[in-house]
């Protein structure tokens, strides 16, 4: 079973993403802060990470950089999930080491299509 780490501090977003992933047969690991997400990425080595950009302690860009710098998790796809839709935000996430970028609000009907591009 494929495992996905969701790093998201918004309870409603976490619930919706988790529900969709579990409904599609994926095992879900959750983290509500950047540091917790980093630690879980290092220990759990999930098949995919969904990374919120705006987190309460350190932002998702910095968490992504830490994960990539560790060398341990370089092959894990990281999809940035953000409501930031300003010019350059997608590029910042990709330059930090994210593999892809999904804009909020998340579309429940199409998010699995995007996730499956990186899982299979």
Protein backbone atom coordinates (compact mmCIF):
# COMPACT_ATOMS: atom_id res chain seq x y z
CA UNK A 1 0.00 0.00 0.00
CA UNK A 2 1.35 3.42 -0.98
CA UNK A 3 1.93 5.86 1.87
CA UNK A 4 1.38 9.61 1.68
CA UNK A 5 2.56 12.17 4.24
CA UNK A 6 0.31 15.23 4.46
CA UNK A 7 1.94 18.27 6.07
CA UNK A 8 -0.99 20.66 6.61
CA UNK A 9 -1.99 22.85 9.54
CA UNK A 10 -5.58 23.60 8.50
CA UNK A 11 -7.88 21.03 10.09
CA UNK A 12 -10.52 21.22 7.34
CA UNK A 13 -7.98 20.82 4.54
CA UNK A 14 -6.32 17.95 6.39
CA UNK A 15 -9.66 16.18 6.84
CA UNK A 16 -10.65 16.54 3.18
CA UNK A 17 -7.28 15.45 1.77
CA UNK A 18 -7.03 12.53 4.17
CA UNK A 19 -10.57 11.40 3.35
CA UNK A 20 -9.88 11.46 -0.40
CA UNK A 21 -6.57 9.60 -0.09
CA UNK A 22 -7.93 6.91 2.23
CA UNK A 23 -10.99 6.46 0.01
CA UNK A 24 -8.55 5.75 -2.82
CA UNK A 25 -6.72 3.07 -0.87
CA UNK A 26 -3.69 5.04 0.32
CA UNK A 27 -2.19 4.95 3.80
CA UNK A 28 -2.00 8.45 5.29
CA UNK A 29 0.57 9.90 7.69
CA UNK A 30 -0.15 13.39 9.00
CA UNK A 31 1.81 16.31 10.41
CA UNK A 32 0.51 19.73 11.43
CA UNK A 33 3.84 21.59 11.60
CA UNK A 34 6.86 21.86 9.38
CA UNK A 35 9.26 20.31 11.89
CA UNK A 36 6.91 17.42 12.65
CA UNK A 37 6.54 16.88 8.90
CA UNK A 38 10.30 16.90 8.41
CA UNK A 39 10.81 14.33 11.18
CA UNK A 40 8.06 12.07 9.81
CA UNK A 41 9.49 12.34 6.29
CA UNK A 42 12.88 11.22 7.60
CA UNK A 43 11.55 8.33 9.70
CA UNK A 44 8.56 7.13 7.68
CA UNK A 45 9.99 7.61 4.16
CA UNK A 46 6.56 7.91 2.50
CA UNK A 47 5.96 7.38 -1.21
CA UNK A 48 4.71 10.98 -1.61
CA UNK A 49 4.58 14.17 0.46
CA UNK A 50 1.82 16.76 0.17
CA UNK A 51 3.35 19.98 1.53
CA UNK A 52 1.36 23.01 2.61
CA UNK A 53 3.46 26.13 2.08
CA UNK A 54 2.10 28.27 4.91
CA UNK A 55 2.80 26.40 8.17
CA UNK A 56 2.85 27.69 11.76
CA UNK A 57 6.54 27.11 12.54
CA UNK A 58 8.67 26.97 9.40
CA UNK A 59 7.16 27.31 5.94
CA UNK A 60 6.83 24.47 3.47
CA UNK A 61 9.58 25.88 1.25
CA UNK A 62 12.08 25.58 4.11
CA UNK A 63 10.82 22.12 5.06
CA UNK A 64 11.22 20.99 1.46
CA UNK A 65 14.79 22.34 1.37
CA UNK A 66 15.62 20.50 4.62
CA UNK A 67 14.19 17.25 3.26
CA UNK A 68 16.17 17.58 0.02
CA UNK A 69 19.38 18.57 1.84
CA UNK A 70 19.14 15.47 4.03
CA UNK A 71 19.80 13.26 1.03
CA UNK A 72 17.69 10.56 2.66
CA UNK A 73 14.47 11.55 0.95
CA UNK A 74 15.68 12.90 -2.39
CA UNK A 75 13.63 10.47 -4.44
CA UNK A 76 10.32 11.17 -2.67
CA UNK A 77 8.02 13.36 -4.78
CA UNK A 78 6.89 16.47 -2.89
CA UNK A 79 3.79 18.29 -4.11
CA UNK A 80 3.37 21.83 -2.81
CA UNK A 81 -0.21 22.68 -1.91
CA UNK A 82 -0.83 26.37 -1.55
CA UNK A 83 -3.42 29.09 -1.74
CA UNK A 84 -0.62 31.44 -2.78
CA UNK A 85 -1.41 32.09 -6.41
CA UNK A 86 0.92 35.00 -6.98
CA UNK A 87 3.41 35.15 -9.81
CA UNK A 88 6.56 33.29 -8.91
CA UNK A 89 5.13 31.16 -6.08
CA UNK A 90 5.05 28.01 -8.19
CA UNK A 91 8.65 28.63 -9.25
CA UNK A 92 9.76 29.19 -5.63
CA UNK A 93 8.27 25.86 -4.62
CA UNK A 94 9.80 24.01 -7.57
CA UNK A 95 13.20 25.66 -7.04
CA UNK A 96 13.13 24.57 -3.38
CA UNK A 97 12.78 20.94 -4.46
CA UNK A 98 9.05 20.40 -4.88
CA UNK A 99 8.17 18.05 -7.70
CA UNK A 100 4.79 19.63 -8.44
CA UNK A 101 2.36 22.34 -7.33
CA UNK A 102 -1.36 22.14 -6.56
CA UNK A 103 -3.37 25.31 -5.93
CA UNK A 104 -5.98 25.59 -3.18
CA UNK A 105 -8.85 25.31 -2.98
CA UNK A 106 -8.34 21.66 -3.78
CA UNK A 107 -10.70 20.13 -6.30
CA UNK A 108 -11.79 16.78 -4.78
CA UNK A 109 -12.68 15.46 -8.24
CA UNK A 110 -9.24 16.03 -9.79
CA UNK A 111 -6.70 15.85 -6.95
CA UNK A 112 -6.24 12.07 -7.22
CA UNK A 113 -5.46 12.41 -10.91
CA UNK A 114 -2.65 14.83 -10.01
CA UNK A 115 -1.39 12.69 -7.11
CA UNK A 116 -1.40 9.50 -9.19
CA UNK A 117 1.00 11.13 -11.69
CA UNK A 118 3.64 11.01 -8.96
CA UNK A 119 2.72 7.76 -7.19
CA UNK A 120 2.57 5.36 -10.13
